[in-house]
Amino acid sequence: MTGRLIDPGYMEWHCPQCGLTARTRPVPNRWHPCPRLKGVSVQLLRKGVPGSIRLIEREDYVGNDKVQLLGEDGRPVMAAITTRDNGQDVVVYAPTATGSARAS
């Protein structure tokens, strides 16, 4: 008995901010560092789906937190909101946890 592999085809993606397009095997979502959004990693939309991506700057005190910064101006990014005609996705860029160890 021989089996046949079913080709799942391709998915096409686009960025509404910079116009980047990509073609991949089926995956739930796709990301890229968007040059129009100062290199912050944001979600791509399926081809043909209208939408927009908006960054939210962190407005509270950063202190010693390790946060994602925007380009040359060094502004901290808190979240990215992707809006489509059928809903929104929100990605929160949480600060990186740090720790230290010392001998007792």
C-alpha atoms as a PDB file:
ATOM      1  CA  MET A   1       0.000   0.000   0.000  1.00  0.00           C
ATOM      2  CA  THR A   2       1.310   3.412  -0.876  1.00  0.00           C
ATOM      3  CA  GLY A   3       0.214   6.682   0.645  1.00  0.00           C
ATOM      4  CA  ARG A   4      -0.104  10.107  -0.879  1.00  0.00           C
ATOM      5  CA  LEU A   5       0.941  13.243   0.861  1.00  0.00           C
ATOM      6  CA  ILE A   6      -1.668  15.973   0.573  1.00  0.00           C
ATOM      7  CA  ASP A   7      -0.140  19.352  -0.190  1.00  0.00           C
ATOM      8  CA  PRO A   8      -1.676  21.867   2.244  1.00  0.00           C
ATOM      9  CA  GLY A   9      -0.920  24.749  -0.108  1.00  0.00           C
ATOM     10  CA  TYR A  10       0.253  28.204   0.851  1.00  0.00           C
ATOM     11  CA  MET A  11      -1.003  31.191   2.812  1.00  0.00           C
ATOM     12  CA  GLU A  12      -0.359  34.749   1.690  1.00  0.00           C
ATOM     13  CA  TRP A  13       0.210  37.596   4.149  1.00  0.00           C
ATOM     14  CA  HIS A  14       0.611  41.380   4.057  1.00  0.00           C
ATOM     15  CA  CYS A  15       1.531  44.225   6.399  1.00  0.00           C
ATOM     16  CA  PRO A  16      -0.897  47.170   6.218  1.00  0.00           C
ATOM     17  CA  GLN A  17       1.837  49.514   7.498  1.00  0.00           C
ATOM     18  CA  CYS A  18       4.862  48.816   5.283  1.00  0.00           C
ATOM     19  CA  GLY A  19       3.336  46.746   2.447  1.00  0.00           C
ATOM     20  CA  LEU A  20       5.523  43.666   3.033  1.00  0.00           C
ATOM     21  CA  THR A  21       4.074  40.470   1.554  1.00  0.00           C
ATOM     22  CA  ALA A  22       4.942  36.873   2.410  1.00  0.00           C
ATOM     23  CA  ARG A  23       3.934  33.417   1.232  1.00  0.00           C
ATOM     24  CA  THR A  24       4.224  30.545   3.712  1.00  0.00           C
ATOM     25  CA  ARG A  25       2.984  27.067   4.409  1.00  0.00           C
ATOM     26  CA  PRO A  26      -0.154  27.148   6.599  1.00  0.00           C
ATOM     27  CA  VAL A  27       0.600  28.643  10.017  1.00  0.00           C
ATOM     28  CA  PRO A  28      -1.808  30.293  12.490  1.00  0.00           C
ATOM     29  CA  ASN A  29      -0.080  33.684  12.300  1.00  0.00           C
ATOM     30  CA  ARG A  30       3.027  35.390  11.002  1.00  0.00           C
ATOM     31  CA  TRP A  31       5.201  38.207  12.420  1.00  0.00           C
ATOM     32  CA  HIS A  32       7.849  40.594  11.093  1.00  0.00           C
ATOM     33  CA  PRO A  33       9.924  43.553  12.331  1.00  0.00           C
ATOM     34  CA  CYS A  34       8.079  46.426  10.606  1.00  0.00           C
ATOM     35  CA  PRO A  35      10.315  49.258   9.351  1.00  0.00           C
ATOM     36  CA  ARG A  36       7.369  51.707   9.367  1.00  0.00           C
ATOM     37  CA  LEU A  37       6.818  50.928  13.059  1.00  0.00           C
ATOM     38  CA  LYS A  38      10.506  51.423  13.939  1.00  0.00           C
ATOM     39  CA  GLY A  39      11.374  47.722  13.802  1.00  0.00           C
ATOM     40  CA  VAL A  40       8.865  46.488  16.392  1.00  0.00           C
ATOM     41  CA  SER A  41       7.759  42.909  15.704  1.00  0.00           C
ATOM     42  CA  VAL A  42       4.089  42.985  14.626  1.00  0.00           C
ATOM     43  CA  GLN A  43       1.544  40.573  13.193  1.00  0.00           C
ATOM     44  CA  LEU A  44       0.956  40.205   9.445  1.00  0.00           C
ATOM     45  CA  LEU A  45      -2.608  39.983   8.114  1.00  0.00           C
ATOM     46  CA  ARG A  46      -3.936  37.405   5.666  1.00  0.00           C
ATOM     47  CA  LYS A  47      -3.908  38.660   2.084  1.00  0.00           C
ATOM     48  CA  GLY A  48      -7.138  40.467   1.255  1.00  0.00           C
ATOM     49  CA  VAL A  49      -7.997  41.245   4.893  1.00  0.00           C
ATOM     50  CA  PRO A  50      -8.118  45.019   5.452  1.00  0.00           C
ATOM     51  CA  GLY A  51      -6.805  46.294   8.763  1.00  0.00           C
ATOM     52  CA  SER A  52      -4.364  48.479  10.643  1.00  0.00           C
ATOM     53  CA  ILE A  53      -1.665  48.146  13.285  1.00  0.00           C
ATOM     54  CA  ARG A  54      -1.176  50.715  16.036  1.00  0.00           C
ATOM     55  CA  LEU A  55       1.546  50.826  18.695  1.00  0.00           C
ATOM     56  CA  ILE A  56       0.811  51.938  22.247  1.00  0.00           C
ATOM     57  CA  GLU A  57       3.678  53.609  24.091  1.00  0.00           C
ATOM     58  CA  ARG A  58       4.241  52.811  27.739  1.00  0.00           C
ATOM     59  CA  GLU A  59       3.244  55.852  29.767  1.00  0.00           C
ATOM     60  CA  ASP A  60       4.300  54.845  33.259  1.00  0.00           C
ATOM     61  CA  TYR A  61       7.769  55.032  34.808  1.00  0.00           C
ATOM     62  CA  VAL A  62      10.137  52.467  33.299  1.00  0.00           C
ATOM     63  CA  GLY A  63      12.849  52.564  35.960  1.00  0.00           C
ATOM     64  CA  ASN A  64      15.139  49.517  35.694  1.00  0.00           C
ATOM     65  CA  ASP A  65      12.654  47.403  33.685  1.00  0.00           C
ATOM     66  CA  LYS A  66      14.019  45.773  30.540  1.00  0.00           C
ATOM     67  CA  VAL A  67      11.458  46.880  27.928  1.00  0.00           C
ATOM     68  CA  GLN A  68      11.222  46.916  24.119  1.00  0.00           C
ATOM     69  CA  LEU A  69      12.177  50.354  22.774  1.00  0.00           C
ATOM     70  CA  LEU A  70      11.159  52.157  19.579  1.00  0.00           C
ATOM     71  CA  GLY A  71      13.971  52.896  17.141  1.00  0.00           C
ATOM     72  CA  GLU A  72      16.330  55.818  17.581  1.00  0.00           C
ATOM     73  CA  ASP A  73      14.146  57.828  19.975  1.00  0.00           C
ATOM     74  CA  GLY A  74      14.161  55.077  22.616  1.00  0.00           C
ATOM     75  CA  ARG A  75      10.457  55.325  23.524  1.00  0.00           C
ATOM     76  CA  PRO A  76       9.145  52.200  25.341  1.00  0.00           C
ATOM     77  CA  VAL A  77       6.465  50.120  23.583  1.00  0.00           C
ATOM     78  CA  MET A  78       3.714  48.611  25.724  1.00  0.00           C
ATOM     79  CA  ALA A  79       1.476  46.929  23.124  1.00  0.00           C
ATOM     80  CA  ALA A  80       0.538  46.544  19.456  1.00  0.00           C
ATOM     81  CA  ILE A  81      -3.127  46.528  18.435  1.00  0.00           C
ATOM     82  CA  THR A  82      -4.053  44.851  15.146  1.00  0.00           C
ATOM     83  CA  THR A  83      -7.544  45.882  14.006  1.00  0.00           C
ATOM     84  CA  ARG A  84      -9.463  43.996  11.307  1.00  0.00           C
ATOM     85  CA  ASP A  85     -13.066  44.243  10.165  1.00  0.00           C
ATOM     86  CA  ASN A  86     -13.979  41.236  12.329  1.00  0.00           C
ATOM     87  CA  GLY A  87     -12.080  42.082  15.537  1.00  0.00           C
ATOM     88  CA  GLN A  88      -8.830  43.033  17.217  1.00  0.00           C
ATOM     89  CA  ASP A  89      -5.698  41.287  18.436  1.00  0.00           C
ATOM     90  CA  VAL A  90      -3.623  42.891  21.165  1.00  0.00           C
ATOM     91  CA  VAL A  91      -0.028  41.893  21.839  1.00  0.00           C
ATOM     92  CA  VAL A  92       1.472  43.116  25.113  1.00  0.00           C
ATOM     93  CA  TYR A  93       5.250  43.522  25.265  1.00  0.00           C
ATOM     94  CA  ALA A  94       5.844  42.721  28.934  1.00  0.00           C
ATOM     95  CA  PRO A  95       9.123  43.728  30.612  1.00  0.00           C
ATOM     96  CA  THR A  96      11.784  41.044  30.773  1.00  0.00           C
ATOM     97  CA  ALA A  97      12.282  39.494  34.189  1.00  0.00           C
ATOM     98  CA  THR A  98      15.796  39.545  35.603  1.00  0.00           C
ATOM     99  CA  GLY A  99      17.364  37.966  38.614  1.00  0.00           C
ATOM    100  CA  SER A 100      20.657  37.437  40.346  1.00  0.00           C
ATOM    101  CA  ALA A 101      22.208  34.798  42.536  1.00  0.00           C
ATOM    102  CA  ARG A 102      24.723  35.132  45.296  1.00  0.00           C
ATOM    103  CA  ALA A 103      26.368  32.703  47.645  1.00  0.00           C
ATOM    104  CA  SER A 104      25.129  32.810  51.212  1.00  0.00           C
END
